[in-house]
C-alpha atoms as a PDB file:
ATOM      1  CA  UNK A   1      62.362  59.283  77.255  1.00  0.00           C
ATOM      2  CA  UNK A   2      62.113  59.790  81.003  1.00  0.00           C
ATOM      3  CA  UNK A   3      65.367  60.473  82.852  1.00  0.00           C
ATOM      4  CA  UNK A   4      65.912  58.851  86.176  1.00  0.00           C
ATOM      5  CA  UNK A   5      68.024  60.388  88.869  1.00  0.00           C
ATOM      6  CA  UNK A   6      71.159  58.512  89.829  1.00  0.00           C
ATOM      7  CA  UNK A   7      71.792  57.923  93.461  1.00  0.00           C
ATOM      8  CA  UNK A   8      75.106  59.292  94.610  1.00  0.00           C
ATOM      9  CA  UNK A   9      77.181  57.572  97.258  1.00  0.00           C
ATOM     10  CA  UNK A  10      77.692  59.041 100.680  1.00  0.00           C
ATOM     11  CA  UNK A  11      81.443  58.443 100.582  1.00  0.00           C
ATOM     12  CA  UNK A  12      80.994  55.308 102.652  1.00  0.00           C
ATOM     13  CA  UNK A  13      83.014  52.258 101.801  1.00  0.00           C
ATOM     14  CA  UNK A  14      80.722  49.376 102.546  1.00  0.00           C
ATOM     15  CA  UNK A  15      79.391  46.741 100.160  1.00  0.00           C
ATOM     16  CA  UNK A  16      77.275  43.672 100.577  1.00  0.00           C
ATOM     17  CA  UNK A  17      78.205  41.339  97.715  1.00  0.00           C
ATOM     18  CA  UNK A  18      76.112  38.234  97.062  1.00  0.00           C
ATOM     19  CA  UNK A  19      79.122  36.023  97.892  1.00  0.00           C
ATOM     20  CA  UNK A  20      78.857  37.017 101.521  1.00  0.00           C
ATOM     21  CA  UNK A  21      76.220  35.824 103.896  1.00  0.00           C
ATOM     22  CA  UNK A  22      73.083  38.043 104.003  1.00  0.00           C
ATOM     23  CA  UNK A  23      73.582  40.976 106.363  1.00  0.00           C
ATOM     24  CA  UNK A  24      77.359  40.643 106.365  1.00  0.00           C
ATOM     25  CA  UNK A  25      79.285  43.630 105.150  1.00  0.00           C
ATOM     26  CA  UNK A  26      82.822  43.924 103.834  1.00  0.00           C
ATOM     27  CA  UNK A  27      84.923  47.009 103.412  1.00  0.00           C
ATOM     28  CA  UNK A  28      85.750  48.015  99.851  1.00  0.00           C
ATOM     29  CA  UNK A  29      89.396  48.991  99.492  1.00  0.00           C
ATOM     30  CA  UNK A  30      91.295  50.908  96.793  1.00  0.00           C
ATOM     31  CA  UNK A  31      94.704  49.834  95.672  1.00  0.00           C
ATOM     32  CA  UNK A  32      96.284  52.343  98.081  1.00  0.00           C
ATOM     33  CA  UNK A  33      94.107  50.993 100.924  1.00  0.00           C
ATOM     34  CA  UNK A  34      95.203  47.428 100.018  1.00  0.00           C
ATOM     35  CA  UNK A  35      98.870  48.363 100.173  1.00  0.00           C
ATOM     36  CA  UNK A  36      98.364  49.934 103.609  1.00  0.00           C
ATOM     37  CA  UNK A  37      96.383  46.919 104.804  1.00  0.00           C
ATOM     38  CA  UNK A  38      99.055  44.451 103.615  1.00  0.00           C
ATOM     39  CA  UNK A  39     101.921  46.645 104.923  1.00  0.00           C
ATOM     40  CA  UNK A  40     103.591  46.636 101.521  1.00  0.00           C
ATOM     41  CA  UNK A  41     104.462  49.227  98.880  1.00  0.00           C
ATOM     42  CA  UNK A  42     101.899  50.501  96.422  1.00  0.00           C
ATOM     43  CA  UNK A  43     103.952  48.895  93.638  1.00  0.00           C
ATOM     44  CA  UNK A  44     103.807  45.464  95.268  1.00  0.00           C
ATOM     45  CA  UNK A  45     100.029  45.709  95.730  1.00  0.00           C
ATOM     46  CA  UNK A  46      99.671  46.855  92.100  1.00  0.00           C
ATOM     47  CA  UNK A  47     101.722  43.902  90.902  1.00  0.00           C
ATOM     48  CA  UNK A  48      99.590  41.399  92.892  1.00  0.00           C
ATOM     49  CA  UNK A  49      96.412  42.940  91.372  1.00  0.00           C
ATOM     50  CA  UNK A  50      97.849  43.135  87.852  1.00  0.00           C
ATOM     51  CA  UNK A  51      98.810  39.501  87.722  1.00  0.00           C
ATOM     52  CA  UNK A  52      95.403  38.407  89.043  1.00  0.00           C
ATOM     53  CA  UNK A  53      96.833  36.964  92.254  1.00  0.00           C
ATOM     54  CA  UNK A  54      94.579  39.173  94.393  1.00  0.00           C
ATOM     55  CA  UNK A  55      90.806  38.797  94.260  1.00  0.00           C
ATOM     56  CA  UNK A  56      89.326  42.050  92.926  1.00  0.00           C
ATOM     57  CA  UNK A  57      86.555  43.626  90.885  1.00  0.00           C
ATOM     58  CA  UNK A  58      86.238  46.729  88.727  1.00  0.00           C
ATOM     59  CA  UNK A  59      84.266  49.794  89.789  1.00  0.00           C
ATOM     60  CA  UNK A  60      84.367  52.931  87.765  1.00  0.00           C
ATOM     61  CA  UNK A  61      87.303  51.715  85.698  1.00  0.00           C
ATOM     62  CA  UNK A  62      89.367  51.161  88.836  1.00  0.00           C
ATOM     63  CA  UNK A  63      90.223  47.967  90.689  1.00  0.00           C
ATOM     64  CA  UNK A  64      88.610  47.463  94.086  1.00  0.00           C
ATOM     65  CA  UNK A  65      89.160  44.846  96.747  1.00  0.00           C
ATOM     66  CA  UNK A  66      86.772  43.379  99.314  1.00  0.00           C
ATOM     67  CA  UNK A  67      88.608  43.142 102.649  1.00  0.00           C
ATOM     68  CA  UNK A  68      86.832  39.833 103.402  1.00  0.00           C
ATOM     69  CA  UNK A  69      88.105  38.329 100.137  1.00  0.00           C
ATOM     70  CA  UNK A  70      91.630  39.610 100.842  1.00  0.00           C
ATOM     71  CA  UNK A  71      91.493  38.030 104.280  1.00  0.00           C
ATOM     72  CA  UNK A  72      90.379  34.720 102.690  1.00  0.00           C
ATOM     73  CA  UNK A  73      93.213  34.969 100.152  1.00  0.00           C
ATOM     74  CA  UNK A  74      95.719  35.516 103.023  1.00  0.00           C
ATOM     75  CA  UNK A  75      94.289  32.566 104.988  1.00  0.00           C
ATOM     76  CA  UNK A  76      94.831  30.304 101.854  1.00  0.00           C
ATOM     77  CA  UNK A  77      98.491  31.285 101.740  1.00  0.00           C
ATOM     78  CA  UNK A  78      98.446  34.606 100.058  1.00  0.00           C
ATOM     79  CA  UNK A  79     100.865  35.227  97.231  1.00  0.00           C
ATOM     80  CA  UNK A  80     103.275  32.565  98.471  1.00  0.00           C
ATOM     81  CA  UNK A  81     104.716  30.520  95.665  1.00  0.00           C
ATOM     82  CA  UNK A  82     104.164  26.834  96.223  1.00  0.00           C
ATOM     83  CA  UNK A  83     106.819  24.315  95.269  1.00  0.00           C
ATOM     84  CA  UNK A  84     105.598  21.386  93.268  1.00  0.00           C
ATOM     85  CA  UNK A  85     106.288  18.034  94.835  1.00  0.00           C
ATOM     86  CA  UNK A  86     107.682  15.370  92.526  1.00  0.00           C
END
């Protein structure tokens, strides 16, 4: 069986997911980056991610966040609890 070499990253943090328009790039953030970006504690960011409130994906067994998706989440109201009208 022929082994193929794996490409290693350059340490850059850019991704072009299919959900974005072609040619558009979005920064990939770690949980720590997310907390810094949202100006909240690491624990608060972790809690948002744990409960599935924050759009994320798994990479190497760790949760990652696309900055563009986080911005979209914020524009829609973020983690604000909505009161049901009766």
